[in-house]
Amino acid sequence: MLRISRFAPSPTGRLHLGHAFSAVRAHDLAREAGGRFLLRIEDIDGTRSREAFVGGIEEDLRWLGLAWDGPVVCQSRRMTLYGAAFERLKALGLVYPCFCTRAEITASASAPHGDAGPIYPGTCRALTAAERERRAGEPHCWRLDMTAAHARTGALRWHDATVGWVDADPLPQGDVVLARKETPTSYHLAVTIDDAAQGVTDVVRGVDLFAATHVHRLLQALLGLPTPRYHHHQLLLGADGQRLAKRNGARSLADLRAHGSDPDILLASLRAGQVPIGADAGDA
């Protein structure tokens, strides 16, 4: 079977070394198997995504020597696909409108916290149909009824290259958001639809997204989509032991290029899971 991997950044800034590490791993997995490497731009966040950063992403990948196959796919142009999937879930009775604000969820004493913040306590799940109709004009998002969805699919599994077979357990993620008024889809729904539509066989991404895969496996089962193999890699760390991320001051590839970094040396270091001395801090 032809192996197809993808790199799917959000255009909310320039790529940094943490991005590059994941891109290299996805690129090499496909190329070593004689497969295809795709570039997808996850720009569904209209408030933070910038078209200028799309060109920067392409420029950075070319500078590293990473070539992708086929046209670049942008999620912002695929809303019809996501909308159709959402309507299927809605027809199954598996989504409900939620009128809670972020502040109300955070303040809720019954909301446990996970890696991504407070887990939604299900406040609006019990609203009657009449109450939902009465409040339809209020700002709201749409959430997946996780308990009902999990009951519908039964036991599920997915495979990770490092830990092997994993029993899908999406319940601890709570009733995740599938759509908002300002963003008519969510990361969870869009990435699940796109990986299937693009024929992705191998998803390479950081271990920080391991928990999200439980949700994606559930959505695949609900929508009748194939399940790719997953490769969750450890995050690249700087000399201070912190993950290389924009909020931690990770240097952008554009900054490294401007200061004369050798892309071949950088690429070799990333393939070895290392960061060249002096390349992990500075102005991003």
C-alpha atoms as a PDB file:
ATOM      1  CA  MET A   1       0.000   0.000   0.000  1.00  0.00           C
ATOM      2  CA  LEU A   2       1.237   3.466  -0.895  1.00  0.00           C
ATOM      3  CA  ARG A   3       2.172   5.383   2.241  1.00  0.00           C
ATOM      4  CA  ILE A   4       0.897   8.941   2.441  1.00  0.00           C
ATOM      5  CA  SER A   5       1.841  11.328   5.231  1.00  0.00           C
ATOM      6  CA  ARG A   6       1.131  15.007   5.733  1.00  0.00           C
ATOM      7  CA  PHE A   7       2.373  18.123   7.488  1.00  0.00           C
ATOM      8  CA  ALA A   8      -0.522  20.347   8.548  1.00  0.00           C
ATOM      9  CA  PRO A   9       0.511  23.620  10.218  1.00  0.00           C
ATOM     10  CA  SER A  10      -1.745  26.546  11.080  1.00  0.00           C
ATOM     11  CA  PRO A  11      -0.725  29.839   9.427  1.00  0.00           C
ATOM     12  CA  THR A  12      -0.707  31.870  12.642  1.00  0.00           C
ATOM     13  CA  GLY A  13       3.024  32.622  12.535  1.00  0.00           C
ATOM     14  CA  ARG A  14       6.282  31.499  10.977  1.00  0.00           C
ATOM     15  CA  LEU A  15       7.466  27.921  11.407  1.00  0.00           C
ATOM     16  CA  HIS A  16       9.835  27.268  14.296  1.00  0.00           C
ATOM     17  CA  LEU A  17      12.144  24.352  15.034  1.00  0.00           C
ATOM     18  CA  GLY A  18       9.397  22.323  16.713  1.00  0.00           C
ATOM     19  CA  HIS A  19       7.331  22.549  13.523  1.00  0.00           C
ATOM     20  CA  ALA A  20      10.345  21.635  11.422  1.00  0.00           C
ATOM     21  CA  PHE A  21      11.055  18.555  13.542  1.00  0.00           C
ATOM     22  CA  SER A  22       7.549  17.197  12.912  1.00  0.00           C
ATOM     23  CA  ALA A  23       7.637  18.109   9.206  1.00  0.00           C
ATOM     24  CA  VAL A  24      10.932  16.288   8.715  1.00  0.00           C
ATOM     25  CA  ARG A  25       9.634  13.141  10.386  1.00  0.00           C
ATOM     26  CA  ALA A  26       6.469  13.112   8.266  1.00  0.00           C
ATOM     27  CA  HIS A  27       8.431  13.836   5.085  1.00  0.00           C
ATOM     28  CA  ASP A  28      11.034  11.139   5.698  1.00  0.00           C
ATOM     29  CA  LEU A  29       8.501   8.466   6.654  1.00  0.00           C
ATOM     30  CA  ALA A  30       6.792   8.855   3.280  1.00  0.00           C
ATOM     31  CA  ARG A  31       9.929   9.259   1.198  1.00  0.00           C
ATOM     32  CA  GLU A  32      11.701   6.252   2.708  1.00  0.00           C
ATOM     33  CA  ALA A  33       8.713   4.104   1.732  1.00  0.00           C
ATOM     34  CA  GLY A  34       8.477   5.579  -1.773  1.00  0.00           C
ATOM     35  CA  GLY A  35       5.243   7.293  -0.789  1.00  0.00           C
ATOM     36  CA  ARG A  36       3.745  10.770  -0.928  1.00  0.00           C
ATOM     37  CA  PHE A  37       4.177  13.728   1.419  1.00  0.00           C
ATOM     38  CA  LEU A  38       1.361  16.275   1.519  1.00  0.00           C
ATOM     39  CA  LEU A  39       1.181  19.852   2.771  1.00  0.00           C
ATOM     40  CA  ARG A  40      -2.121  20.968   4.283  1.00  0.00           C
ATOM     41  CA  ILE A  41      -2.788  24.407   5.710  1.00  0.00           C
ATOM     42  CA  GLU A  42      -5.128  24.293   8.702  1.00  0.00           C
ATOM     43  CA  ASP A  43      -6.519  27.812   8.456  1.00  0.00           C
ATOM     44  CA  ILE A  44     -10.008  27.395   9.872  1.00  0.00           C
ATOM     45  CA  ASP A  45      -9.287  29.971  12.591  1.00  0.00           C
ATOM     46  CA  GLY A  46     -10.219  33.087  10.648  1.00  0.00           C
ATOM     47  CA  THR A  47      -9.272  35.402  13.515  1.00  0.00           C
ATOM     48  CA  ARG A  48      -5.643  34.279  13.741  1.00  0.00           C
ATOM     49  CA  SER A  49      -4.751  32.775  10.348  1.00  0.00           C
ATOM     50  CA  ARG A  50      -2.902  35.006   7.892  1.00  0.00           C
ATOM     51  CA  GLU A  51      -2.412  34.418   4.166  1.00  0.00           C
ATOM     52  CA  ALA A  52       1.095  35.890   4.394  1.00  0.00           C
ATOM     53  CA  PHE A  53       2.141  33.065   6.699  1.00  0.00           C
ATOM     54  CA  VAL A  54       1.069  30.439   4.127  1.00  0.00           C
ATOM     55  CA  GLY A  55       3.771  31.676   1.759  1.00  0.00           C
ATOM     56  CA  GLY A  56       6.202  31.739   4.670  1.00  0.00           C
ATOM     57  CA  ILE A  57       5.483  28.095   5.486  1.00  0.00           C
ATOM     58  CA  GLU A  58       6.167  27.055   1.912  1.00  0.00           C
ATOM     59  CA  GLU A  59       9.349  29.145   1.842  1.00  0.00           C
ATOM     60  CA  ASP A  60      10.597  27.590   5.081  1.00  0.00           C
ATOM     61  CA  LEU A  61       9.993  24.022   3.909  1.00  0.00           C
ATOM     62  CA  ARG A  62      11.759  24.657   0.609  1.00  0.00           C
ATOM     63  CA  TRP A  63      14.723  26.169   2.470  1.00  0.00           C
ATOM     64  CA  LEU A  64      15.012  22.954   4.487  1.00  0.00           C
ATOM     65  CA  GLY A  65      14.852  20.916   1.292  1.00  0.00           C
ATOM     66  CA  LEU A  66      11.444  19.350   1.964  1.00  0.00           C
ATOM     67  CA  ALA A  67       9.307  18.997  -1.166  1.00  0.00           C
ATOM     68  CA  TRP A  68       5.647  18.054  -1.032  1.00  0.00           C
ATOM     69  CA  ASP A  69       3.475  16.281  -3.577  1.00  0.00           C
ATOM     70  CA  GLY A  70       0.476  17.806  -5.301  1.00  0.00           C
ATOM     71  CA  PRO A  71      -1.222  21.119  -4.578  1.00  0.00           C
ATOM     72  CA  VAL A  72      -1.338  22.645  -1.109  1.00  0.00           C
ATOM     73  CA  VAL A  73      -4.750  22.048   0.474  1.00  0.00           C
ATOM     74  CA  CYS A  74      -6.280  24.825   2.598  1.00  0.00           C
ATOM     75  CA  GLN A  75      -9.015  23.922   5.057  1.00  0.00           C
ATOM     76  CA  SER A  76     -10.727  27.295   4.634  1.00  0.00           C
ATOM     77  CA  ARG A  77     -11.772  26.162   1.148  1.00  0.00           C
ATOM     78  CA  ARG A  78     -13.313  22.897   2.346  1.00  0.00           C
ATOM     79  CA  MET A  79     -16.084  24.115   4.633  1.00  0.00           C
ATOM     80  CA  THR A  80     -18.750  22.352   2.560  1.00  0.00           C
ATOM     81  CA  LEU A  81     -17.173  18.978   3.359  1.00  0.00           C
ATOM     82  CA  TYR A  82     -17.043  19.717   7.072  1.00  0.00           C
ATOM     83  CA  GLY A  83     -20.605  21.016   7.043  1.00  0.00           C
ATOM     84  CA  ALA A  84     -21.873  17.812   5.451  1.00  0.00           C
ATOM     85  CA  ALA A  85     -20.114  15.697   8.087  1.00  0.00           C
ATOM     86  CA  PHE A  86     -21.514  17.853  10.876  1.00  0.00           C
ATOM     87  CA  GLU A  87     -25.044  17.471   9.488  1.00  0.00           C
ATOM     88  CA  ARG A  88     -24.620  13.685   9.484  1.00  0.00           C
ATOM     89  CA  LEU A  89     -23.718  13.745  13.162  1.00  0.00           C
ATOM     90  CA  LYS A  90     -26.586  16.115  13.869  1.00  0.00           C
ATOM     91  CA  ALA A  91     -29.018  13.777  12.087  1.00  0.00           C
ATOM     92  CA  LEU A  92     -27.807  10.980  14.351  1.00  0.00           C
ATOM     93  CA  GLY A  93     -28.745  13.067  17.386  1.00  0.00           C
ATOM     94  CA  LEU A  94     -25.142  13.192  18.581  1.00  0.00           C
ATOM     95  CA  VAL A  95     -24.589  16.954  18.788  1.00  0.00           C
ATOM     96  CA  TYR A  96     -26.227  19.648  20.858  1.00  0.00           C
ATOM     97  CA  PRO A  97     -26.009  23.453  21.140  1.00  0.00           C
ATOM     98  CA  CYS A  98     -24.007  24.824  24.057  1.00  0.00           C
ATOM     99  CA  PHE A  99     -24.622  28.357  25.329  1.00  0.00           C
ATOM    100  CA  CYS A 100     -21.907  28.414  28.008  1.00  0.00           C
ATOM    101  CA  THR A 101     -19.141  30.984  27.735  1.00  0.00           C
ATOM    102  CA  ARG A 102     -15.495  30.071  28.201  1.00  0.00           C
ATOM    103  CA  ALA A 103     -15.493  32.024  31.449  1.00  0.00           C
ATOM    104  CA  GLU A 104     -18.485  30.075  32.768  1.00  0.00           C
ATOM    105  CA  ILE A 105     -16.821  26.762  31.933  1.00  0.00           C
ATOM    106  CA  THR A 106     -13.557  27.785  33.572  1.00  0.00           C
ATOM    107  CA  ALA A 107     -15.380  28.991  36.681  1.00  0.00           C
ATOM    108  CA  SER A 108     -17.450  25.842  37.006  1.00  0.00           C
ATOM    109  CA  ALA A 109     -16.454  23.930  40.111  1.00  0.00           C
ATOM    110  CA  SER A 110     -17.473  20.719  38.369  1.00  0.00           C
ATOM    111  CA  ALA A 111     -15.143  21.209  35.400  1.00  0.00           C
ATOM    112  CA  PRO A 112     -12.011  19.056  35.715  1.00  0.00           C
ATOM    113  CA  HIS A 113      -8.873  20.286  33.971  1.00  0.00           C
ATOM    114  CA  GLY A 114      -6.920  18.361  31.370  1.00  0.00           C
ATOM    115  CA  ASP A 115      -3.844  19.161  29.316  1.00  0.00           C
ATOM    116  CA  ALA A 116      -5.872  21.477  27.071  1.00  0.00           C
ATOM    117  CA  GLY A 117      -7.675  23.271  29.897  1.00  0.00           C
ATOM    118  CA  PRO A 118     -11.040  22.734  31.589  1.00  0.00           C
ATOM    119  CA  ILE A 119     -13.135  19.784  30.427  1.00  0.00           C
ATOM    120  CA  TYR A 120     -16.694  20.818  29.615  1.00  0.00           C
ATOM    121  CA  PRO A 121     -19.002  19.559  32.404  1.00  0.00           C
ATOM    122  CA  GLY A 122     -21.976  18.942  30.090  1.00  0.00           C
ATOM    123  CA  THR A 123     -24.136  21.762  31.418  1.00  0.00           C
ATOM    124  CA  CYS A 124     -26.186  22.248  28.229  1.00  0.00           C
ATOM    125  CA  ARG A 125     -26.514  18.567  27.400  1.00  0.00           C
ATOM    126  CA  ALA A 126     -29.627  18.252  29.554  1.00  0.00           C
ATOM    127  CA  LEU A 127     -31.500  21.223  28.076  1.00  0.00           C
ATOM    128  CA  THR A 128     -34.892  20.316  26.700  1.00  0.00           C
ATOM    129  CA  ALA A 129     -35.711  20.722  23.022  1.00  0.00           C
ATOM    130  CA  ALA A 130     -38.002  23.602  23.928  1.00  0.00           C
ATOM    131  CA  GLU A 131     -35.259  25.376  25.862  1.00  0.00           C
ATOM    132  CA  ARG A 132     -32.806  24.945  23.007  1.00  0.00           C
ATOM    133  CA  GLU A 133     -35.352  26.356  20.584  1.00  0.00           C
ATOM    134  CA  ARG A 134     -36.062  29.321  22.845  1.00  0.00           C
ATOM    135  CA  ARG A 135     -32.349  30.162  23.090  1.00  0.00           C
ATOM    136  CA  ALA A 136     -31.509  29.506  19.421  1.00  0.00           C
ATOM    137  CA  GLY A 137     -30.781  33.175  18.784  1.00  0.00           C
ATOM    138  CA  GLU A 138     -28.141  33.357  21.520  1.00  0.00           C
ATOM    139  CA  PRO A 139     -24.427  32.833  20.773  1.00  0.00           C
ATOM    140  CA  HIS A 140     -23.633  29.147  20.958  1.00  0.00           C
ATOM    141  CA  CYS A 141     -21.365  26.387  19.736  1.00  0.00           C
ATOM    142  CA  TRP A 142     -22.180  22.771  18.916  1.00  0.00           C
ATOM    143  CA  ARG A 143     -20.744  19.947  21.010  1.00  0.00           C
ATOM    144  CA  LEU A 144     -20.493  16.212  20.479  1.00  0.00           C
ATOM    145  CA  ASP A 145     -22.444  14.204  23.028  1.00  0.00           C
ATOM    146  CA  MET A 146     -19.474  12.022  23.856  1.00  0.00           C
ATOM    147  CA  THR A 147     -21.331   9.487  25.997  1.00  0.00           C
ATOM    148  CA  ALA A 148     -23.996   8.897  23.353  1.00  0.00           C
ATOM    149  CA  ALA A 149     -21.430   8.777  20.556  1.00  0.00           C
ATOM    150  CA  HIS A 150     -19.237   6.279  22.398  1.00  0.00           C
ATOM    151  CA  ALA A 151     -22.250   4.102  23.180  1.00  0.00           C
ATOM    152  CA  ARG A 152     -23.150   4.074  19.490  1.00  0.00           C
ATOM    153  CA  THR A 153     -19.742   2.864  18.286  1.00  0.00           C
ATOM    154  CA  GLY A 154     -18.802   0.490  21.082  1.00  0.00           C
ATOM    155  CA  ALA A 155     -15.170  -0.452  21.693  1.00  0.00           C
ATOM    156  CA  LEU A 156     -12.612   0.949  19.256  1.00  0.00           C
ATOM    157  CA  ARG A 157      -8.851   0.730  18.815  1.00  0.00           C
ATOM    158  CA  TRP A 158      -6.111   2.570  16.968  1.00  0.00           C
ATOM    159  CA  HIS A 159      -2.431   1.878  16.459  1.00  0.00           C
ATOM    160  CA  ASP A 160       0.512   4.029  17.456  1.00  0.00           C
ATOM    161  CA  ALA A 161       3.994   3.274  16.142  1.00  0.00           C
ATOM    162  CA  THR A 162       5.560   3.672  19.594  1.00  0.00           C
ATOM    163  CA  VAL A 163       3.092   2.131  22.056  1.00  0.00           C
ATOM    164  CA  GLY A 164       1.264  -0.311  19.766  1.00  0.00           C
ATOM    165  CA  TRP A 165      -2.484  -0.908  19.899  1.00  0.00           C
ATOM    166  CA  VAL A 166      -4.457   1.585  21.969  1.00  0.00           C
ATOM    167  CA  ASP A 167      -8.019   1.183  23.228  1.00  0.00           C
ATOM    168  CA  ALA A 168      -9.862   4.346  22.223  1.00  0.00           C
ATOM    169  CA  ASP A 169     -11.048   6.249  25.293  1.00  0.00           C
ATOM    170  CA  PRO A 170     -12.555   9.589  24.218  1.00  0.00           C
ATOM    171  CA  LEU A 171     -14.763  10.077  27.283  1.00  0.00           C
ATOM    172  CA  PRO A 172     -12.106  11.916  29.352  1.00  0.00           C
ATOM    173  CA  GLN A 173     -12.001  14.614  26.651  1.00  0.00           C
ATOM    174  CA  GLY A 174     -15.551  15.624  27.457  1.00  0.00           C
ATOM    175  CA  ASP A 175     -18.117  16.899  24.964  1.00  0.00           C
ATOM    176  CA  VAL A 176     -15.714  18.520  22.510  1.00  0.00           C
ATOM    177  CA  VAL A 177     -16.732  21.429  20.293  1.00  0.00           C
ATOM    178  CA  LEU A 178     -17.439  20.483  16.663  1.00  0.00           C
ATOM    179  CA  ALA A 179     -18.521  23.881  15.338  1.00  0.00           C
ATOM    180  CA  ARG A 180     -18.818  27.537  16.298  1.00  0.00           C
ATOM    181  CA  LYS A 181     -20.583  30.449  14.651  1.00  0.00           C
ATOM    182  CA  GLU A 182     -17.304  32.171  13.784  1.00  0.00           C
ATOM    183  CA  THR A 183     -15.614  28.883  12.859  1.00  0.00           C
ATOM    184  CA  PRO A 184     -18.139  26.445  11.344  1.00  0.00           C
ATOM    185  CA  THR A 185     -15.948  23.442  12.092  1.00  0.00           C
ATOM    186  CA  SER A 186     -13.364  22.408  14.677  1.00  0.00           C
ATOM    187  CA  TYR A 187      -9.864  20.988  14.591  1.00  0.00           C
ATOM    188  CA  HIS A 188     -11.203  17.574  15.570  1.00  0.00           C
ATOM    189  CA  LEU A 189     -13.781  17.392  12.796  1.00  0.00           C
ATOM    190  CA  ALA A 190     -11.740  19.050  10.044  1.00  0.00           C
ATOM    191  CA  VAL A 191      -8.604  16.972  10.555  1.00  0.00           C
ATOM    192  CA  THR A 192     -10.609  13.735  10.619  1.00  0.00           C
ATOM    193  CA  ILE A 193     -12.397  14.593   7.374  1.00  0.00           C
ATOM    194  CA  ASP A 194      -9.232  15.784   5.618  1.00  0.00           C
ATOM    195  CA  ASP A 195      -7.049  12.825   6.526  1.00  0.00           C
ATOM    196  CA  ALA A 196      -9.663  10.499   5.048  1.00  0.00           C
ATOM    197  CA  ALA A 197     -10.339  12.650   1.975  1.00  0.00           C
ATOM    198  CA  GLN A 198      -6.623  12.938   1.189  1.00  0.00           C
ATOM    199  CA  GLY A 199      -5.990   9.234   1.673  1.00  0.00           C
ATOM    200  CA  VAL A 200      -3.517   9.791   4.500  1.00  0.00           C
ATOM    201  CA  THR A 201      -2.256   6.419   5.698  1.00  0.00           C
ATOM    202  CA  ASP A 202       0.208   7.644   8.327  1.00  0.00           C
ATOM    203  CA  VAL A 203      -0.354  10.590  10.664  1.00  0.00           C
ATOM    204  CA  VAL A 204       2.887  11.936  12.117  1.00  0.00           C
ATOM    205  CA  ARG A 205       2.472  14.472  14.920  1.00  0.00           C
ATOM    206  CA  GLY A 206       3.649  15.350  18.409  1.00  0.00           C
ATOM    207  CA  VAL A 207       2.786  13.348  21.494  1.00  0.00           C
ATOM    208  CA  ASP A 208       0.908  16.413  22.757  1.00  0.00           C
ATOM    209  CA  LEU A 209      -1.890  15.382  20.360  1.00  0.00           C
ATOM    210  CA  PHE A 210      -2.023  11.770  21.586  1.00  0.00           C
ATOM    211  CA  ALA A 211      -5.216  12.366  23.599  1.00  0.00           C
ATOM    212  CA  ALA A 212      -6.917  13.997  20.602  1.00  0.00           C
ATOM    213  CA  THR A 213      -6.500  10.778  18.641  1.00  0.00           C
ATOM    214  CA  HIS A 214      -9.070   9.095  20.877  1.00  0.00           C
ATOM    215  CA  VAL A 215     -11.616  11.671  19.666  1.00  0.00           C
ATOM    216  CA  HIS A 216     -10.542  11.311  16.038  1.00  0.00           C
ATOM    217  CA  ARG A 217     -10.918   7.532  16.186  1.00  0.00           C
ATOM    218  CA  LEU A 218     -14.457   7.977  17.473  1.00  0.00           C
ATOM    219  CA  LEU A 219     -15.339  10.420  14.681  1.00  0.00           C
ATOM    220  CA  GLN A 220     -13.902   8.036  12.096  1.00  0.00           C
ATOM    221  CA  ALA A 221     -16.182   5.282  13.337  1.00  0.00           C
ATOM    222  CA  LEU A 222     -19.258   7.538  13.424  1.00  0.00           C
ATOM    223  CA  LEU A 223     -18.650   8.793   9.875  1.00  0.00           C
ATOM    224  CA  GLY A 224     -17.515   5.497   8.357  1.00  0.00           C
ATOM    225  CA  LEU A 225     -13.984   6.711   7.617  1.00  0.00           C
ATOM    226  CA  PRO A 226     -10.736   4.717   7.514  1.00  0.00           C
ATOM    227  CA  THR A 227      -8.268   4.867  10.390  1.00  0.00           C
ATOM    228  CA  PRO A 228      -4.655   5.723   9.527  1.00  0.00           C
ATOM    229  CA  ARG A 229      -1.596   4.546  11.424  1.00  0.00           C
ATOM    230  CA  TYR A 230      -0.395   7.067  13.989  1.00  0.00           C
ATOM    231  CA  HIS A 231       3.152   8.085  14.810  1.00  0.00           C
ATOM    232  CA  HIS A 232       3.208  10.316  17.888  1.00  0.00           C
ATOM    233  CA  HIS A 233       6.752  11.543  18.382  1.00  0.00           C
ATOM    234  CA  GLN A 234       8.351  13.135  21.405  1.00  0.00           C
ATOM    235  CA  LEU A 235       8.555  16.916  21.305  1.00  0.00           C
ATOM    236  CA  LEU A 236      11.822  18.626  20.494  1.00  0.00           C
ATOM    237  CA  LEU A 237      13.230  20.297  23.596  1.00  0.00           C
ATOM    238  CA  GLY A 238      15.575  23.219  23.970  1.00  0.00           C
ATOM    239  CA  ALA A 239      18.605  23.415  26.235  1.00  0.00           C
ATOM    240  CA  ASP A 240      16.332  24.539  29.079  1.00  0.00           C
ATOM    241  CA  GLY A 241      14.224  21.392  28.789  1.00  0.00           C
ATOM    242  CA  GLN A 242      11.208  23.295  27.502  1.00  0.00           C
ATOM    243  CA  ARG A 243       9.381  22.265  24.341  1.00  0.00           C
ATOM    244  CA  LEU A 244      10.262  24.318  21.298  1.00  0.00           C
ATOM    245  CA  ALA A 245       7.138  26.391  20.779  1.00  0.00           C
ATOM    246  CA  LYS A 246       6.340  29.969  19.854  1.00  0.00           C
ATOM    247  CA  ARG A 247       5.198  30.817  23.373  1.00  0.00           C
ATOM    248  CA  ASN A 248       8.531  29.583  24.755  1.00  0.00           C
ATOM    249  CA  GLY A 249      10.588  31.776  22.426  1.00  0.00           C
ATOM    250  CA  ALA A 250      11.525  29.117  19.884  1.00  0.00           C
ATOM    251  CA  ARG A 251      13.386  30.721  17.004  1.00  0.00           C
ATOM    252  CA  SER A 252      11.639  30.784  13.665  1.00  0.00           C
ATOM    253  CA  LEU A 253      13.212  29.228  10.599  1.00  0.00           C
ATOM    254  CA  ALA A 254      13.030  32.648   8.958  1.00  0.00           C
ATOM    255  CA  ASP A 255      15.145  34.077  11.788  1.00  0.00           C
ATOM    256  CA  LEU A 256      17.685  31.261  11.532  1.00  0.00           C
ATOM    257  CA  ARG A 257      17.901  31.742   7.774  1.00  0.00           C
ATOM    258  CA  ALA A 258      18.394  35.498   8.175  1.00  0.00           C
ATOM    259  CA  HIS A 259      21.276  34.843  10.567  1.00  0.00           C
ATOM    260  CA  GLY A 260      23.076  32.538   8.152  1.00  0.00           C
ATOM    261  CA  SER A 261      22.149  29.075   9.460  1.00  0.00           C
ATOM    262  CA  ASP A 262      23.087  26.208   7.141  1.00  0.00           C
ATOM    263  CA  PRO A 263      19.868  24.335   6.231  1.00  0.00           C
ATOM    264  CA  ASP A 264      21.757  21.076   5.562  1.00  0.00           C
ATOM    265  CA  ILE A 265      23.283  21.107   9.055  1.00  0.00           C
ATOM    266  CA  LEU A 266      19.937  22.001  10.588  1.00  0.00           C
ATOM    267  CA  LEU A 267      18.162  19.244   8.661  1.00  0.00           C
ATOM    268  CA  ALA A 268      20.728  16.646   9.754  1.00  0.00           C
ATOM    269  CA  SER A 269      20.337  17.726  13.375  1.00  0.00           C
ATOM    270  CA  LEU A 270      16.565  17.501  13.216  1.00  0.00           C
ATOM    271  CA  ARG A 271      16.776  14.019  11.733  1.00  0.00           C
ATOM    272  CA  ALA A 272      18.927  13.063  14.717  1.00  0.00           C
ATOM    273  CA  GLY A 273      16.378  14.564  17.084  1.00  0.00           C
ATOM    274  CA  GLN A 274      18.741  17.344  18.114  1.00  0.00           C
ATOM    275  CA  VAL A 275      18.912  21.116  17.958  1.00  0.00           C
ATOM    276  CA  PRO A 276      22.159  22.777  16.817  1.00  0.00           C
ATOM    277  CA  ILE A 277      23.845  24.721  19.607  1.00  0.00           C
ATOM    278  CA  GLY A 278      22.494  28.234  19.782  1.00  0.00           C
ATOM    279  CA  ALA A 279      19.523  27.536  17.514  1.00  0.00           C
ATOM    280  CA  ASP A 280      16.894  26.997  20.213  1.00  0.00           C
ATOM    281  CA  ALA A 281      16.506  30.465  21.680  1.00  0.00           C
ATOM    282  CA  GLY A 282      16.296  34.046  20.578  1.00  0.00           C
ATOM    283  CA  ASP A 283      13.803  36.243  18.851  1.00  0.00           C
ATOM    284  CA  ALA A 284      11.074  34.227  17.212  1.00  0.00           C
END
